[in-house]
Structure formats: structure tokens, C-alpha cells
Amino acid sequence: MFWKIYAWIYVVIIGVGTLVLIPKIGSWDFASWEGTIEGLLLAIGAFVFAYKKQLFNKVAWKVIFIAILFFWVAGIISYTTNVQFLNFLKVNTDVLGEHGIGTVLFTIIVSIPALIAIYKMGFEKNPLPISNSNK
């Protein structure tokens, strides 16, 4: 039951967030595109996992998991250090306004269950959640 509730809440949050940002699409930078695609993949992953559906094969889920994890680590590094070559991971302030490591960490914490679902679909032998009811 947790997965279905989480999936719906996450899908709504990502959907509304994406719709709010669409009017500013002209000023999107790499970080805006990456964050939107990442959010959509996490929402899809949580939803597919919660409802025991097959969307991508295990290899695709593995690649998605590794890519998202890479961008999370790189994002944390870019917001906590002055490493200049990672500045492309910082969102254009015209799009989302000013935000820092607190926003990045909050987003990651809220998204951890979705990443766990993607991990399970890519790496576990029996990835689907076990349910005690037939709902």
C-alpha cells in the first residue's frame, strides 16, 4: 500500500512541477532538462513498481538507476564545493529562483523511495513488491 500512495503523490508532485516550469522552457539549461527527465523517470519507476507493471527491461532500469545516482552525487558535489566544471548541474536562477544544497538534499530525500524502486527493478531477481492482499 505504501508504494501505491507514494507513487501517486510523487507523480502528482512531478506532474504539477513540470507543468509549472513549462512556460519557462525557453530559458531552461542542462540542469533544468536533466532534473525534469530525472523526475519523470523516478515517477514512472515508482508507479511501474507500485502497480507491478513491465515498462523497461532490467538493463534499462540498471542504466537509469546508475545515471540518476551519478547526477545526485555530482549535484551534491556541485552545490557543496566550488568545483567549476560541475556548474552545468546548477539550475538557472531565472527558471527556479535561487536555491542551494538544502533544496537539492530535500529533493533527493523525497525521491529515495523512487530510486529504490528503480534499483529493485534493475538489480533484484524478484523486483515486484509482495502484497498480502489482492487489491
Protein backbone atom coordinates (compact mmCIF):
# COMPACT_ATOMS: atom_id res chain seq x y z
CA MET A 1 0.00 0.00 0.00
CA PHE A 2 2.91 2.35 0.76
CA TRP A 3 4.19 2.10 -2.79
CA LYS A 4 0.85 2.99 -4.38
CA ILE A 5 0.33 6.00 -2.12
CA TYR A 6 3.91 7.17 -2.60
CA ALA A 7 3.72 6.66 -6.37
CA TRP A 8 0.56 8.75 -6.71
CA ILE A 9 1.88 11.56 -4.51
CA TYR A 10 5.19 11.57 -6.38
CA VAL A 11 3.50 11.52 -9.81
CA VAL A 12 1.26 14.45 -8.84
CA ILE A 13 4.18 16.48 -7.46
CA ILE A 14 6.34 15.84 -10.54
CA GLY A 15 3.42 16.45 -12.91
CA VAL A 16 2.44 19.76 -11.32
CA GLY A 17 6.07 20.84 -11.04
CA THR A 18 6.69 20.10 -14.70
CA LEU A 19 3.55 21.95 -15.78
CA VAL A 20 4.58 25.00 -13.74
CA LEU A 21 8.02 25.04 -15.39
CA ILE A 22 6.86 24.56 -19.00
CA PRO A 23 6.18 28.29 -19.61
CA LYS A 24 9.85 28.97 -18.79
CA ILE A 25 11.14 26.26 -21.15
CA GLY A 26 12.91 28.85 -23.32
CA SER A 27 15.35 29.63 -20.51
CA TRP A 28 15.96 26.02 -19.45
CA ASP A 29 19.57 24.94 -19.15
CA PHE A 30 21.10 21.47 -18.93
CA ALA A 31 20.26 21.16 -15.23
CA SER A 32 16.59 22.02 -15.87
CA TRP A 33 16.29 19.40 -18.59
CA GLU A 34 18.18 16.80 -16.57
CA GLY A 35 16.09 17.45 -13.47
CA THR A 36 12.82 17.21 -15.38
CA ILE A 37 13.79 14.00 -17.16
CA GLU A 38 15.11 12.57 -13.88
CA GLY A 39 11.87 13.44 -12.08
CA LEU A 40 9.75 11.89 -14.80
CA LEU A 41 11.85 8.70 -14.79
CA LEU A 42 11.63 8.48 -11.00
CA ALA A 43 7.85 8.99 -11.10
CA ILE A 44 7.46 6.38 -13.83
CA GLY A 45 9.70 3.99 -11.91
CA ALA A 46 7.75 4.39 -8.67
CA PHE A 47 4.43 3.98 -10.49
CA VAL A 48 5.52 0.94 -12.51
CA PHE A 49 6.97 -0.71 -9.40
CA ALA A 50 3.90 0.01 -7.25
CA TYR A 51 1.50 -1.40 -9.83
CA LYS A 52 3.72 -4.36 -10.81
CA LYS A 53 3.91 -3.39 -14.48
CA GLN A 54 6.61 -4.08 -17.05
CA LEU A 55 7.80 -0.97 -18.91
CA PHE A 56 11.54 -1.36 -19.50
CA ASN A 57 13.80 -4.38 -19.24
CA LYS A 58 16.24 -4.91 -16.36
CA VAL A 59 19.19 -3.42 -18.26
CA ALA A 60 17.30 -0.18 -18.90
CA TRP A 61 16.38 0.13 -15.20
CA LYS A 62 20.03 -0.51 -14.27
CA VAL A 63 21.21 2.26 -16.60
CA ILE A 64 18.52 4.65 -15.30
CA PHE A 65 19.46 3.85 -11.68
CA ILE A 66 23.18 4.41 -12.27
CA ALA A 67 22.58 7.63 -14.24
CA ILE A 68 20.30 9.12 -11.57
CA LEU A 69 22.69 8.14 -8.79
CA PHE A 70 25.57 9.73 -10.73
CA PHE A 71 23.66 13.00 -11.16
CA TRP A 72 22.66 13.02 -7.48
CA VAL A 73 26.27 12.64 -6.35
CA ALA A 74 27.51 15.19 -8.89
CA GLY A 75 24.74 17.61 -7.87
CA ILE A 76 25.64 17.34 -4.19
CA ILE A 77 29.30 17.92 -5.04
CA SER A 78 28.48 20.92 -7.26
CA TYR A 79 26.34 22.59 -4.57
CA THR A 80 28.73 21.90 -1.67
CA THR A 81 32.03 22.80 -3.34
CA ASN A 82 33.34 25.38 -5.78
CA VAL A 83 34.20 22.82 -8.45
CA GLN A 84 33.73 24.89 -11.59
CA PHE A 85 33.41 22.04 -14.09
CA LEU A 86 30.18 20.90 -12.38
CA ASN A 87 28.45 24.28 -12.61
CA PHE A 88 26.36 22.98 -15.52
CA LEU A 89 24.44 20.98 -12.89
CA LYS A 90 23.27 24.15 -11.13
CA VAL A 91 19.83 25.25 -12.28
CA ASN A 92 19.43 28.63 -13.98
CA THR A 93 18.10 31.02 -11.32
CA ASP A 94 15.72 32.52 -13.92
CA VAL A 95 13.90 29.18 -14.08
CA LEU A 96 13.62 28.07 -10.45
CA GLY A 97 14.97 31.00 -8.49
CA GLU A 98 17.88 30.79 -6.10
CA HIS A 99 18.32 27.51 -4.26
CA GLY A 100 21.16 25.64 -2.66
CA ILE A 101 22.17 22.38 -1.10
CA GLY A 102 19.10 22.30 1.17
CA THR A 103 16.76 22.15 -1.81
CA VAL A 104 18.92 19.54 -3.52
CA LEU A 105 19.04 17.33 -0.41
CA PHE A 106 15.30 17.68 0.24
CA THR A 107 14.54 16.64 -3.33
CA ILE A 108 16.87 13.66 -3.05
CA ILE A 109 15.39 12.54 0.29
CA VAL A 110 11.84 12.70 -1.07
CA SER A 111 12.97 10.77 -4.17
CA ILE A 112 14.86 7.97 -2.40
CA PRO A 113 11.90 5.53 -2.41
CA ALA A 114 11.50 6.04 -6.17
CA LEU A 115 15.20 5.32 -6.69
CA ILE A 116 14.88 2.21 -4.50
CA ALA A 117 12.02 1.03 -6.73
CA ILE A 118 14.17 1.58 -9.83
CA TYR A 119 17.04 -0.29 -8.17
CA LYS A 120 14.78 -3.23 -7.36
CA MET A 121 13.51 -3.40 -10.94
CA GLY A 122 17.04 -3.38 -12.31
CA PHE A 123 19.04 -5.44 -9.87
CA GLU A 124 16.82 -7.80 -7.86
CA LYS A 125 15.70 -11.21 -9.08
CA ASN A 126 12.10 -10.68 -7.88
CA PRO A 127 11.67 -6.90 -8.10
CA LEU A 128 7.94 -6.54 -7.58
CA PRO A 129 6.57 -5.68 -4.14
CA ILE A 130 4.97 -8.54 -2.24
CA SER A 131 1.37 -7.83 -1.33
CA ASN A 132 -0.74 -9.66 1.24
CA SER A 133 -3.97 -8.63 -0.40
CA ASN A 134 -5.40 -8.98 -3.88
CA LYS A 135 -6.36 -5.32 -4.27
